[in-house]
Amino acid sequence: MKKIEAIIRPERMHEVKDALEEQGIHGLNIISVT
C-alpha cells in the first residue's frame, strides 16, 4: 500500500479522480481546506 498526498484545485478533482481510477486506484479521502 502506498500513501499519496496532493493539493488539487477543486475544478480539477474529477480529472484527477478519473486518471487514478484508470490506474486501478478506487479509494480516496478528500478533505476541503480553506
N, C-alpha and C. Protein backbone atom coordinates (compact mmCIF):
# COMPACT_ATOMS: atom_id res chain seq x y z
N MET A 1 0.84 -1.17 0.00
CA MET A 1 0.00 0.00 0.00
C MET A 1 0.89 1.24 0.00
N LYS A 2 0.47 2.23 -0.76
CA LYS A 2 1.21 3.49 -0.81
C LYS A 2 0.27 4.63 -0.48
N LYS A 3 0.81 5.64 0.16
CA LYS A 3 0.04 6.83 0.50
C LYS A 3 0.48 7.97 -0.39
N ILE A 4 -0.50 8.63 -0.99
CA ILE A 4 -0.24 9.79 -1.83
C ILE A 4 -0.99 10.98 -1.24
N GLU A 5 -0.29 12.07 -0.99
CA GLU A 5 -0.94 13.30 -0.54
C GLU A 5 -0.75 14.34 -1.63
N ALA A 6 -1.84 15.04 -1.96
CA ALA A 6 -1.76 16.03 -3.04
C ALA A 6 -2.68 17.20 -2.74
N ILE A 7 -2.30 18.35 -3.22
CA ILE A 7 -3.16 19.53 -3.18
C ILE A 7 -3.65 19.74 -4.61
N ILE A 8 -4.96 19.65 -4.78
CA ILE A 8 -5.56 19.69 -6.12
C ILE A 8 -6.63 20.77 -6.15
N ARG A 9 -6.63 21.55 -7.20
CA ARG A 9 -7.66 22.58 -7.36
C ARG A 9 -9.03 21.88 -7.50
N PRO A 10 -10.05 22.44 -6.86
CA PRO A 10 -11.38 21.80 -6.90
C PRO A 10 -11.89 21.54 -8.32
N GLU A 11 -11.61 22.43 -9.24
CA GLU A 11 -12.11 22.25 -10.61
C GLU A 11 -11.40 21.12 -11.36
N ARG A 12 -10.27 20.65 -10.85
CA ARG A 12 -9.53 19.55 -11.49
C ARG A 12 -9.78 18.20 -10.82
N MET A 13 -10.57 18.19 -9.74
CA MET A 13 -10.74 16.97 -8.95
C MET A 13 -11.27 15.81 -9.78
N HIS A 14 -12.27 16.06 -10.63
CA HIS A 14 -12.84 14.97 -11.43
C HIS A 14 -11.82 14.39 -12.39
N GLU A 15 -10.99 15.24 -12.98
CA GLU A 15 -9.94 14.75 -13.89
C GLU A 15 -8.96 13.86 -13.15
N VAL A 16 -8.55 14.29 -11.98
CA VAL A 16 -7.58 13.52 -11.19
C VAL A 16 -8.19 12.20 -10.75
N LYS A 17 -9.43 12.23 -10.28
CA LYS A 17 -10.11 11.01 -9.84
C LYS A 17 -10.23 10.02 -11.00
N ASP A 18 -10.61 10.49 -12.18
CA ASP A 18 -10.73 9.61 -13.34
C ASP A 18 -9.39 9.00 -13.72
N ALA A 19 -8.32 9.80 -13.67
CA ALA A 19 -6.99 9.30 -14.01
C ALA A 19 -6.54 8.24 -13.00
N LEU A 20 -6.82 8.46 -11.73
CA LEU A 20 -6.45 7.47 -10.71
C LEU A 20 -7.24 6.17 -10.90
N GLU A 21 -8.52 6.27 -11.22
CA GLU A 21 -9.33 5.08 -11.45
C GLU A 21 -8.82 4.29 -12.64
N GLU A 22 -8.35 4.97 -13.68
CA GLU A 22 -7.77 4.28 -14.83
C GLU A 22 -6.55 3.47 -14.44
N GLN A 23 -5.85 3.90 -13.39
CA GLN A 23 -4.66 3.20 -12.91
C GLN A 23 -5.00 2.15 -11.85
N GLY A 24 -6.28 1.96 -11.58
CA GLY A 24 -6.70 0.94 -10.63
C GLY A 24 -6.81 1.41 -9.20
N ILE A 25 -6.79 2.72 -8.98
CA ILE A 25 -6.91 3.28 -7.63
C ILE A 25 -8.35 3.77 -7.47
N HIS A 26 -9.09 3.12 -6.54
CA HIS A 26 -10.52 3.42 -6.42
C HIS A 26 -10.89 4.05 -5.09
N GLY A 27 -10.02 4.05 -4.11
CA GLY A 27 -10.35 4.61 -2.80
C GLY A 27 -9.70 5.96 -2.60
N LEU A 28 -10.49 6.96 -2.21
CA LEU A 28 -9.98 8.31 -1.98
C LEU A 28 -10.57 8.88 -0.70
N ASN A 29 -9.80 9.67 -0.02
CA ASN A 29 -10.29 10.52 1.06
C ASN A 29 -10.05 11.95 0.61
N ILE A 30 -11.10 12.74 0.61
CA ILE A 30 -10.99 14.12 0.15
C ILE A 30 -11.33 15.05 1.31
N ILE A 31 -10.45 16.00 1.57
CA ILE A 31 -10.67 16.98 2.63
C ILE A 31 -10.57 18.37 2.02
N SER A 32 -11.59 19.17 2.25
CA SER A 32 -11.59 20.55 1.76
C SER A 32 -10.83 21.43 2.75
N VAL A 33 -9.84 22.13 2.26
CA VAL A 33 -9.03 23.01 3.09
C VAL A 33 -9.29 24.45 2.66
N THR A 34 -9.59 25.30 3.62
CA THR A 34 -9.86 26.70 3.28
C THR A 34 -8.86 27.61 3.94
